[in-house]
N, C-alpha and C. Protein backbone atom coordinates (compact mmCIF):
# COMPACT_ATOMS: atom_id res chain seq x y z
N UNK A 1 104.32 101.69 79.17
CA UNK A 1 104.53 100.85 80.33
C UNK A 1 104.53 101.73 81.58
N UNK A 2 103.72 101.41 82.55
CA UNK A 2 103.63 102.19 83.76
C UNK A 2 104.75 101.80 84.74
N UNK A 3 105.10 102.74 85.61
CA UNK A 3 106.10 102.47 86.61
C UNK A 3 105.56 101.48 87.61
N UNK A 4 106.30 100.42 87.92
CA UNK A 4 105.88 99.40 88.88
C UNK A 4 106.57 99.67 90.21
N UNK A 5 105.75 100.19 91.16
CA UNK A 5 106.28 100.61 92.45
C UNK A 5 106.90 99.44 93.23
N UNK A 6 106.31 98.25 93.18
CA UNK A 6 106.86 97.10 93.90
C UNK A 6 108.26 96.74 93.40
N UNK A 7 108.43 96.75 92.07
CA UNK A 7 109.77 96.46 91.51
C UNK A 7 110.78 97.52 91.90
N UNK A 8 110.33 98.77 91.91
CA UNK A 8 111.22 99.86 92.30
C UNK A 8 111.65 99.71 93.75
N UNK A 9 110.73 99.35 94.61
CA UNK A 9 111.06 99.19 96.02
C UNK A 9 112.03 98.02 96.22
N UNK A 10 111.82 96.92 95.49
CA UNK A 10 112.76 95.82 95.58
C UNK A 10 114.14 96.22 95.12
N UNK A 11 114.21 96.99 94.06
CA UNK A 11 115.49 97.44 93.53
C UNK A 11 116.17 98.32 94.52
N UNK A 12 115.41 99.21 95.16
CA UNK A 12 115.96 100.11 96.15
C UNK A 12 116.51 99.32 97.32
N UNK A 13 115.72 98.35 97.80
CA UNK A 13 116.18 97.54 98.94
C UNK A 13 117.45 96.77 98.57
N UNK A 14 117.56 96.25 97.38
CA UNK A 14 118.77 95.56 96.97
C UNK A 14 119.96 96.51 96.91
N UNK A 15 119.72 97.72 96.38
CA UNK A 15 120.77 98.73 96.31
C UNK A 15 121.28 99.06 97.69
N UNK A 16 120.42 99.15 98.67
CA UNK A 16 120.79 99.49 100.04
C UNK A 16 121.37 98.23 100.75
N UNK A 17 121.43 97.14 100.09
CA UNK A 17 122.00 95.94 100.69
C UNK A 17 121.06 95.27 101.67
N UNK A 18 119.79 95.58 101.53
CA UNK A 18 118.79 95.00 102.43
C UNK A 18 118.92 95.49 103.84
N UNK A 19 119.53 96.65 104.06
CA UNK A 19 119.81 97.13 105.39
C UNK A 19 118.61 97.80 106.08
N UNK A 20 117.59 98.13 105.30
CA UNK A 20 116.45 98.83 105.94
C UNK A 20 115.59 97.87 106.68
N UNK A 21 114.88 98.38 107.68
CA UNK A 21 113.98 97.56 108.46
C UNK A 21 112.85 97.08 107.57
N UNK A 22 112.49 95.82 107.63
CA UNK A 22 111.43 95.25 106.77
C UNK A 22 111.93 94.82 105.42
N UNK A 23 113.22 94.94 105.14
CA UNK A 23 113.74 94.55 103.81
C UNK A 23 113.52 93.09 103.50
N UNK A 24 113.55 92.22 104.52
CA UNK A 24 113.36 90.79 104.27
C UNK A 24 111.97 90.50 103.68
N UNK A 25 110.98 91.28 104.05
CA UNK A 25 109.63 91.09 103.52
C UNK A 25 109.59 91.53 102.07
N UNK A 26 110.22 92.64 101.75
CA UNK A 26 110.24 93.13 100.37
C UNK A 26 110.96 92.15 99.47
N UNK A 27 112.06 91.60 99.95
CA UNK A 27 112.88 90.72 99.12
C UNK A 27 112.26 89.31 98.97
N UNK A 28 111.62 88.84 100.03
CA UNK A 28 111.07 87.47 99.99
C UNK A 28 109.60 87.42 99.65
N UNK A 29 108.87 88.50 99.94
CA UNK A 29 107.46 88.52 99.71
C UNK A 29 106.64 87.86 100.82
N UNK A 30 107.31 87.45 101.89
CA UNK A 30 106.61 86.79 103.00
C UNK A 30 106.50 87.77 104.19
N UNK A 31 105.25 87.95 104.66
CA UNK A 31 105.05 88.86 105.79
C UNK A 31 105.50 88.18 107.07
N UNK A 32 106.00 89.00 108.02
CA UNK A 32 106.42 88.43 109.30
C UNK A 32 105.20 87.82 110.02
N UNK A 33 105.46 86.72 110.74
CA UNK A 33 104.36 86.04 111.43
C UNK A 33 104.00 86.68 112.76
N UNK A 34 104.90 87.43 113.34
CA UNK A 34 104.68 87.98 114.67
C UNK A 34 104.30 89.47 114.68
N UNK A 35 103.40 89.87 113.79
CA UNK A 35 102.98 91.27 113.72
C UNK A 35 101.92 91.56 114.76
N UNK A 36 101.76 92.85 115.09
CA UNK A 36 100.73 93.29 116.02
C UNK A 36 99.38 93.20 115.32
N UNK A 37 98.47 92.43 115.88
CA UNK A 37 97.13 92.27 115.27
C UNK A 37 96.32 93.53 115.58
N UNK A 38 95.70 94.09 114.52
CA UNK A 38 94.83 95.23 114.68
C UNK A 38 95.56 96.55 114.78
N UNK A 39 96.82 96.59 114.43
CA UNK A 39 97.59 97.83 114.46
C UNK A 39 96.96 98.80 113.47
N UNK A 40 96.61 99.98 113.95
CA UNK A 40 96.00 100.98 113.09
C UNK A 40 96.53 102.34 113.47
N UNK A 41 96.50 103.24 112.51
CA UNK A 41 96.95 104.61 112.73
C UNK A 41 95.81 105.55 112.48
N UNK A 42 95.69 106.57 113.31
CA UNK A 42 94.64 107.58 113.20
C UNK A 42 94.99 108.56 112.08
N UNK A 43 94.01 109.31 111.57
CA UNK A 43 94.34 110.35 110.58
C UNK A 43 95.30 111.38 111.16
N UNK A 44 95.25 111.67 112.45
CA UNK A 44 96.20 112.58 113.08
C UNK A 44 97.60 112.04 113.06
N UNK A 45 97.76 110.74 113.30
CA UNK A 45 99.10 110.14 113.27
C UNK A 45 99.64 110.15 111.84
N UNK A 46 98.76 109.91 110.86
CA UNK A 46 99.22 109.94 109.46
C UNK A 46 99.62 111.37 109.10
N UNK A 47 98.91 112.37 109.54
CA UNK A 47 99.22 113.77 109.28
C UNK A 47 100.60 114.08 109.93
N UNK A 48 100.81 113.55 111.14
CA UNK A 48 102.09 113.74 111.84
C UNK A 48 103.23 113.17 111.03
N UNK A 49 103.02 111.94 110.48
CA UNK A 49 104.03 111.30 109.64
C UNK A 49 104.26 112.12 108.36
N UNK A 50 103.22 112.68 107.78
CA UNK A 50 103.35 113.56 106.60
C UNK A 50 104.27 114.75 106.94
N UNK A 51 104.05 115.33 108.09
CA UNK A 51 104.85 116.53 108.46
C UNK A 51 106.29 116.15 108.75
N UNK A 52 106.51 115.00 109.35
CA UNK A 52 107.90 114.53 109.56
C UNK A 52 108.56 114.35 108.20
N UNK A 53 107.88 113.66 107.29
CA UNK A 53 108.40 113.41 105.93
C UNK A 53 108.70 114.74 105.23
N UNK A 54 107.82 115.71 105.39
CA UNK A 54 108.03 117.03 104.73
C UNK A 54 109.23 117.75 105.34
N UNK A 55 109.50 117.53 106.59
CA UNK A 55 110.71 118.14 107.20
C UNK A 55 111.96 117.45 106.69
N UNK A 56 111.85 116.18 106.36
CA UNK A 56 113.02 115.45 105.81
C UNK A 56 113.22 115.76 104.34
N UNK A 57 112.15 115.78 103.53
CA UNK A 57 112.23 116.15 102.13
C UNK A 57 111.20 117.24 101.90
N UNK A 58 111.60 118.49 102.09
CA UNK A 58 110.67 119.60 101.93
C UNK A 58 110.35 119.98 100.48
N UNK A 59 109.25 120.68 100.34
CA UNK A 59 108.93 121.21 99.01
C UNK A 59 109.91 122.31 98.65
N UNK A 60 110.44 122.20 97.45
CA UNK A 60 111.33 123.26 96.93
C UNK A 60 110.75 123.60 95.55
N UNK A 61 111.54 123.50 94.50
CA UNK A 61 111.02 123.69 93.18
C UNK A 61 110.32 122.43 92.69
N UNK A 62 110.44 121.37 93.49
CA UNK A 62 109.68 120.12 93.25
C UNK A 62 108.84 119.81 94.49
N UNK A 63 107.77 119.05 94.37
CA UNK A 63 106.96 118.71 95.51
C UNK A 63 107.76 117.93 96.56
N UNK A 64 107.41 118.10 97.81
CA UNK A 64 108.04 117.39 98.90
C UNK A 64 107.39 116.06 99.23
N UNK A 65 107.82 115.48 100.33
CA UNK A 65 107.35 114.14 100.74
C UNK A 65 105.85 114.14 101.05
N UNK A 66 105.35 115.23 101.62
CA UNK A 66 103.92 115.31 101.96
C UNK A 66 103.08 115.17 100.70
N UNK A 67 103.46 115.77 99.61
CA UNK A 67 102.76 115.70 98.35
C UNK A 67 102.72 114.29 97.79
N UNK A 68 103.76 113.49 98.14
CA UNK A 68 103.83 112.11 97.68
C UNK A 68 103.01 111.17 98.55
N UNK A 69 102.35 111.71 99.60
CA UNK A 69 101.54 110.87 100.48
C UNK A 69 102.39 109.98 101.36
N UNK A 70 103.46 110.54 101.89
CA UNK A 70 104.46 109.74 102.64
C UNK A 70 103.88 109.12 103.90
N UNK A 71 102.95 109.80 104.58
CA UNK A 71 102.35 109.28 105.79
C UNK A 71 101.64 107.94 105.53
N UNK A 72 100.83 107.91 104.49
CA UNK A 72 100.10 106.68 104.10
C UNK A 72 101.10 105.60 103.73
N UNK A 73 102.17 105.96 103.04
CA UNK A 73 103.18 104.98 102.66
C UNK A 73 103.84 104.39 103.87
N UNK A 74 104.23 105.25 104.86
CA UNK A 74 104.87 104.74 106.08
C UNK A 74 103.96 103.79 106.82
N UNK A 75 102.70 104.14 106.94
CA UNK A 75 101.74 103.29 107.63
C UNK A 75 101.62 101.92 106.93
N UNK A 76 101.57 101.92 105.62
CA UNK A 76 101.49 100.66 104.86
C UNK A 76 102.73 99.82 105.10
N UNK A 77 103.88 100.44 105.05
CA UNK A 77 105.13 99.69 105.25
C UNK A 77 105.25 99.13 106.69
N UNK A 78 104.90 99.94 107.67
CA UNK A 78 104.98 99.49 109.05
C UNK A 78 104.00 98.32 109.30
N UNK A 79 102.79 98.45 108.76
CA UNK A 79 101.76 97.41 108.98
C UNK A 79 102.11 96.12 108.21
N UNK A 80 102.66 96.30 107.01
CA UNK A 80 102.85 95.10 106.12
C UNK A 80 104.23 94.44 106.23
N UNK A 81 105.25 95.21 106.57
CA UNK A 81 106.59 94.63 106.50
C UNK A 81 107.37 94.53 107.82
N UNK A 82 106.94 95.24 108.84
CA UNK A 82 107.62 95.23 110.13
C UNK A 82 107.10 94.09 110.99
N UNK A 83 108.00 93.47 111.76
CA UNK A 83 107.52 92.45 112.68
C UNK A 83 107.01 93.17 113.95
N UNK A 84 106.45 92.42 114.87
CA UNK A 84 105.82 92.99 116.03
C UNK A 84 106.76 93.88 116.85
N UNK A 85 107.99 93.44 117.04
CA UNK A 85 108.97 94.23 117.80
C UNK A 85 109.26 95.58 117.12
N UNK A 86 109.44 95.50 115.81
CA UNK A 86 109.72 96.70 115.04
C UNK A 86 108.50 97.65 115.02
N UNK A 87 107.32 97.07 114.91
CA UNK A 87 106.08 97.86 114.93
C UNK A 87 105.93 98.57 116.29
N UNK A 88 106.18 97.86 117.34
CA UNK A 88 106.08 98.43 118.68
C UNK A 88 107.12 99.53 118.88
N UNK A 89 108.34 99.31 118.43
CA UNK A 89 109.41 100.31 118.51
C UNK A 89 109.07 101.58 117.70
N UNK A 90 108.43 101.35 116.55
CA UNK A 90 108.04 102.49 115.70
C UNK A 90 106.98 103.33 116.38
N UNK A 91 105.92 102.69 116.85
CA UNK A 91 104.80 103.41 117.44
C UNK A 91 105.26 104.08 118.73
N UNK A 92 105.99 103.40 119.59
CA UNK A 92 106.43 104.02 120.86
C UNK A 92 107.43 105.14 120.58
N UNK A 93 108.32 104.95 119.60
CA UNK A 93 109.27 105.98 119.23
C UNK A 93 108.59 107.21 118.65
N UNK A 94 107.54 106.99 117.87
CA UNK A 94 106.78 108.11 117.30
C UNK A 94 106.12 108.91 118.41
N UNK A 95 105.51 108.20 119.35
CA UNK A 95 104.88 108.86 120.48
C UNK A 95 105.91 109.64 121.33
N UNK A 96 107.06 109.03 121.54
CA UNK A 96 108.13 109.67 122.35
C UNK A 96 108.66 110.90 121.62
N UNK A 97 108.77 110.82 120.29
CA UNK A 97 109.27 111.95 119.48
C UNK A 97 108.32 113.15 119.66
N UNK A 98 107.05 112.89 119.58
CA UNK A 98 106.07 113.95 119.70
C UNK A 98 106.07 114.56 121.13
N UNK A 99 106.18 113.70 122.11
CA UNK A 99 106.24 114.14 123.51
C UNK A 99 107.50 114.95 123.77
N UNK A 100 108.65 114.43 123.26
CA UNK A 100 109.90 115.15 123.45
C UNK A 100 109.87 116.55 122.85
N UNK A 101 109.25 116.63 121.68
CA UNK A 101 109.16 117.95 121.04
C UNK A 101 108.34 118.90 121.89
N UNK A 102 107.22 118.42 122.36
CA UNK A 102 106.35 119.25 123.19
C UNK A 102 107.01 119.67 124.48
N UNK A 103 107.72 118.73 125.12
CA UNK A 103 108.40 119.02 126.39
C UNK A 103 109.52 120.07 126.18
N UNK A 104 110.25 119.94 125.11
CA UNK A 104 111.40 120.85 124.90
C UNK A 104 111.03 122.19 124.27
N UNK A 105 109.89 122.24 123.55
CA UNK A 105 109.52 123.46 122.83
C UNK A 105 108.22 124.12 123.31
N UNK A 106 107.58 123.47 124.27
CA UNK A 106 106.34 124.02 124.85
C UNK A 106 105.21 124.24 123.82
N UNK A 107 105.28 123.50 122.74
CA UNK A 107 104.18 123.51 121.75
C UNK A 107 104.25 122.19 120.98
N UNK A 108 103.11 121.88 120.33
CA UNK A 108 103.02 120.61 119.59
C UNK A 108 103.83 120.68 118.32
N UNK A 109 104.34 119.58 117.87
CA UNK A 109 105.11 119.47 116.63
C UNK A 109 104.30 120.00 115.47
N UNK A 110 103.03 119.74 115.44
CA UNK A 110 102.14 120.18 114.32
C UNK A 110 101.98 121.67 114.28
N UNK A 111 102.25 122.37 115.35
CA UNK A 111 102.15 123.84 115.40
C UNK A 111 103.47 124.53 115.10
N UNK A 112 104.53 123.78 114.91
CA UNK A 112 105.86 124.32 114.66
C UNK A 112 106.03 124.63 113.19
N UNK A 113 107.00 125.53 112.95
CA UNK A 113 107.38 125.85 111.56
C UNK A 113 108.23 124.73 111.00
N UNK A 114 108.39 124.71 109.69
CA UNK A 114 109.20 123.70 109.03
C UNK A 114 110.65 123.76 109.52
N UNK A 115 111.17 124.97 109.76
CA UNK A 115 112.50 125.12 110.23
C UNK A 115 112.69 124.55 111.63
N UNK A 116 111.68 124.78 112.50
CA UNK A 116 111.74 124.26 113.87
C UNK A 116 111.68 122.74 113.86
N UNK A 117 110.83 122.19 113.02
CA UNK A 117 110.70 120.72 112.88
C UNK A 117 112.02 120.11 112.40
N UNK A 118 112.57 120.71 111.39
CA UNK A 118 113.82 120.22 110.80
C UNK A 118 114.95 120.29 111.84
N UNK A 119 115.06 121.37 112.56
CA UNK A 119 116.11 121.49 113.57
C UNK A 119 115.94 120.42 114.65
N UNK A 120 114.71 120.17 115.08
CA UNK A 120 114.45 119.15 116.11
C UNK A 120 114.80 117.77 115.58
N UNK A 121 114.38 117.45 114.37
CA UNK A 121 114.70 116.13 113.81
C UNK A 121 116.21 115.95 113.59
N UNK A 122 116.92 117.00 113.20
CA UNK A 122 118.37 116.92 113.07
C UNK A 122 119.04 116.65 114.41
N UNK A 123 118.53 117.30 115.46
CA UNK A 123 119.02 117.09 116.79
C UNK A 123 118.79 115.64 117.26
N UNK A 124 117.58 115.11 117.01
CA UNK A 124 117.25 113.75 117.35
C UNK A 124 118.11 112.75 116.55
N UNK A 125 118.39 113.10 115.32
CA UNK A 125 119.22 112.25 114.46
C UNK A 125 120.67 112.17 115.04
N UNK A 126 121.19 113.31 115.46
CA UNK A 126 122.52 113.32 116.04
C UNK A 126 122.56 112.49 117.32
N UNK A 127 121.53 112.62 118.16
CA UNK A 127 121.45 111.81 119.41
C UNK A 127 121.39 110.33 119.10
N UNK A 128 120.62 109.94 118.04
CA UNK A 128 120.50 108.53 117.71
C UNK A 128 121.82 107.95 117.18
N UNK A 129 122.61 108.76 116.54
CA UNK A 129 123.88 108.28 116.00
C UNK A 129 124.94 108.08 117.10
N UNK A 130 124.84 108.85 118.16
CA UNK A 130 125.82 108.77 119.25
C UNK A 130 125.38 107.82 120.34
N UNK A 131 124.13 107.41 120.31
CA UNK A 131 123.61 106.51 121.34
C UNK A 131 124.15 105.12 121.14
N UNK A 132 124.43 104.41 122.23
CA UNK A 132 124.93 103.06 122.16
C UNK A 132 123.80 102.03 122.30
N UNK A 133 122.59 102.49 122.29
CA UNK A 133 121.41 101.61 122.37
C UNK A 133 121.29 100.85 121.07
N UNK A 134 121.10 99.54 121.14
CA UNK A 134 120.99 98.71 119.93
C UNK A 134 119.58 98.56 119.40
N UNK A 135 118.62 99.09 120.11
CA UNK A 135 117.22 98.98 119.60
C UNK A 135 117.10 99.77 118.31
N UNK A 136 116.12 99.38 117.48
CA UNK A 136 115.89 100.17 116.25
C UNK A 136 115.52 101.59 116.60
N UNK A 137 116.12 102.51 115.97
CA UNK A 137 115.87 103.91 116.24
C UNK A 137 114.75 104.43 115.34
N UNK A 138 113.74 105.07 115.92
CA UNK A 138 112.59 105.55 115.13
C UNK A 138 113.05 106.58 114.10
N UNK A 139 114.03 107.41 114.45
CA UNK A 139 114.46 108.44 113.50
C UNK A 139 115.08 107.80 112.25
N UNK A 140 115.81 106.69 112.45
CA UNK A 140 116.36 105.97 111.29
C UNK A 140 115.25 105.33 110.44
N UNK A 141 114.26 104.79 111.12
CA UNK A 141 113.12 104.23 110.43
C UNK A 141 112.38 105.28 109.61
N UNK A 142 112.20 106.44 110.24
CA UNK A 142 111.48 107.54 109.56
C UNK A 142 112.27 108.01 108.34
N UNK A 143 113.59 108.13 108.46
CA UNK A 143 114.38 108.55 107.31
C UNK A 143 114.34 107.51 106.20
N UNK A 144 114.53 106.24 106.54
CA UNK A 144 114.49 105.17 105.56
C UNK A 144 113.15 105.15 104.83
N UNK A 145 112.09 105.21 105.60
CA UNK A 145 110.74 105.13 105.00
C UNK A 145 110.46 106.38 104.12
N UNK A 146 110.91 107.52 104.58
CA UNK A 146 110.70 108.74 103.80
C UNK A 146 111.42 108.68 102.47
N UNK A 147 112.69 108.30 102.52
CA UNK A 147 113.47 108.19 101.27
C UNK A 147 112.93 107.16 100.32
N UNK A 148 112.63 105.99 100.87
CA UNK A 148 112.08 104.90 100.06
C UNK A 148 110.73 105.31 99.45
N UNK A 149 109.86 105.83 100.27
CA UNK A 149 108.50 106.20 99.79
C UNK A 149 108.56 107.33 98.77
N UNK A 150 109.39 108.34 99.03
CA UNK A 150 109.43 109.46 98.14
C UNK A 150 110.04 109.12 96.79
N UNK A 151 111.21 108.49 96.80
CA UNK A 151 111.90 108.21 95.54
C UNK A 151 111.30 107.08 94.74
N UNK A 152 110.39 106.31 95.30
CA UNK A 152 109.65 105.30 94.53
C UNK A 152 108.26 105.74 94.23
N UNK A 153 107.89 106.93 94.65
CA UNK A 153 106.56 107.48 94.30
C UNK A 153 106.61 108.07 92.91
N UNK A 154 105.47 108.29 92.32
CA UNK A 154 105.42 108.93 90.97
C UNK A 154 106.02 110.33 91.02
N UNK A 155 105.71 111.10 92.08
CA UNK A 155 106.26 112.43 92.21
C UNK A 155 107.78 112.40 92.31
N UNK A 156 108.31 111.60 93.21
CA UNK A 156 109.74 111.54 93.41
C UNK A 156 110.50 111.04 92.17
N UNK A 157 109.95 110.01 91.55
CA UNK A 157 110.63 109.42 90.38
C UNK A 157 110.53 110.26 89.15
N UNK A 158 109.42 110.97 88.98
CA UNK A 158 109.22 111.71 87.73
C UNK A 158 109.52 113.20 87.83
N UNK A 159 109.46 113.76 89.04
CA UNK A 159 109.72 115.20 89.15
C UNK A 159 111.03 115.52 89.86
N UNK A 160 111.47 114.71 90.80
CA UNK A 160 112.73 114.94 91.46
C UNK A 160 113.88 114.25 90.71
N UNK A 161 113.62 113.05 90.21
CA UNK A 161 114.59 112.31 89.43
C UNK A 161 114.23 112.38 87.96
N UNK A 162 115.13 111.91 87.09
CA UNK A 162 114.83 111.80 85.67
C UNK A 162 114.25 110.42 85.44
N UNK A 163 113.01 110.38 85.07
CA UNK A 163 112.34 109.09 84.80
C UNK A 163 112.20 108.92 83.29
N UNK A 164 112.74 107.84 82.81
CA UNK A 164 112.59 107.47 81.40
C UNK A 164 111.73 106.23 81.34
N UNK A 165 110.48 106.41 80.92
CA UNK A 165 109.52 105.31 80.96
C UNK A 165 109.97 104.14 80.09
N UNK A 166 110.39 104.42 78.87
CA UNK A 166 110.87 103.38 77.98
C UNK A 166 112.19 103.83 77.44
N UNK A 167 113.26 103.41 78.07
CA UNK A 167 114.57 103.81 77.55
C UNK A 167 114.86 103.21 76.17
N UNK A 168 115.48 104.00 75.34
CA UNK A 168 115.73 103.49 73.96
C UNK A 168 116.88 102.51 73.86
N UNK A 169 117.92 102.72 74.64
CA UNK A 169 119.10 101.89 74.56
C UNK A 169 119.89 102.02 75.81
N UNK A 170 120.85 101.16 75.99
CA UNK A 170 121.75 101.20 77.15
C UNK A 170 122.95 102.04 76.82
N UNK A 171 123.14 103.09 77.58
CA UNK A 171 124.34 103.93 77.46
C UNK A 171 125.16 103.77 78.72
N UNK A 172 126.31 103.10 78.60
CA UNK A 172 127.15 102.79 79.77
C UNK A 172 127.76 104.08 80.36
N UNK A 173 128.16 104.98 79.53
CA UNK A 173 128.82 106.20 80.01
C UNK A 173 128.04 107.40 79.48
N UNK A 174 127.41 108.08 80.41
CA UNK A 174 126.65 109.28 80.05
C UNK A 174 127.27 110.44 80.78
N UNK A 175 127.59 111.48 80.02
CA UNK A 175 128.19 112.66 80.62
C UNK A 175 127.24 113.30 81.62
N UNK A 176 127.76 113.71 82.78
CA UNK A 176 127.01 114.39 83.80
C UNK A 176 127.31 115.86 83.75
N UNK A 177 126.27 116.65 83.68
CA UNK A 177 126.43 118.11 83.72
C UNK A 177 125.94 118.56 85.07
N UNK A 178 126.68 119.43 85.73
CA UNK A 178 126.33 119.92 87.03
C UNK A 178 124.88 120.43 87.00
N UNK A 179 124.11 119.92 88.00
CA UNK A 179 122.69 120.32 88.05
C UNK A 179 121.74 119.33 87.45
N UNK A 180 122.27 118.33 86.70
CA UNK A 180 121.39 117.31 86.09
C UNK A 180 120.79 116.48 87.21
N UNK A 181 119.58 116.01 86.99
CA UNK A 181 118.91 115.15 87.93
C UNK A 181 119.44 113.71 87.76
N UNK A 182 119.40 112.94 88.84
CA UNK A 182 119.78 111.56 88.82
C UNK A 182 118.65 110.77 88.17
N UNK A 183 118.96 109.64 87.53
CA UNK A 183 117.93 108.85 86.91
C UNK A 183 117.14 108.04 87.96
N UNK A 184 115.84 107.89 87.76
CA UNK A 184 114.98 107.11 88.64
C UNK A 184 115.29 105.63 88.40
N UNK A 185 114.97 104.82 89.43
CA UNK A 185 115.18 103.38 89.38
C UNK A 185 114.26 102.77 88.33
C-alpha cells in the first residue's frame, strides 16, 4: 500500500486543529471562490521558496526541505487552497522578505549562506511574533507550508520519521529510546 499524501495532509491539518492557512480547503475539499485568477510563480520564485524551506529544515544526516521539492509544494498549496486575500498576502510578503534581506545585507537572499538565511528568517520570525498586526504573516505561512510539505513528503515521512507502510498491530504503549525517530502519520 503506497503512502497517500492527501490523507496525510488531512490528518496533519486535523492534528493542528485546522489552524493553518488553507486548512478549510483541505478539510472540506472545496476550493475558495475568490482566488487570484492566473496566479503563477516563476522558476526563480520556486527556487527562492526552496531555499527558504532549506533554511527552515536543512539537510543534515537526512535530506532537507529542498530535496523534498518544498518550493513546488508551497506553490501548489498557495494556488489551490489559499483565498485571494491570503494569496496576495503571501506573494507581497515573499517579495517584501526578499527586498528586506537585500536592503539589510546588501546582497540577494539567493547569494547568502545557509547560516545567514537562517539568522535572517529567525529575526523575521521574532518580529512577526511581537507585531500586533492581524494580517496573515508570510513567515508563519512559510513555516506551516514547509513543515506540512516536508513531513508529508516521501522523504520526510520515510527518512526523517519512522514510516511503517503496513503496521502489523496496534501497540498502545511503545517504549521510547532517546534518539528514536517519531512515527510518520
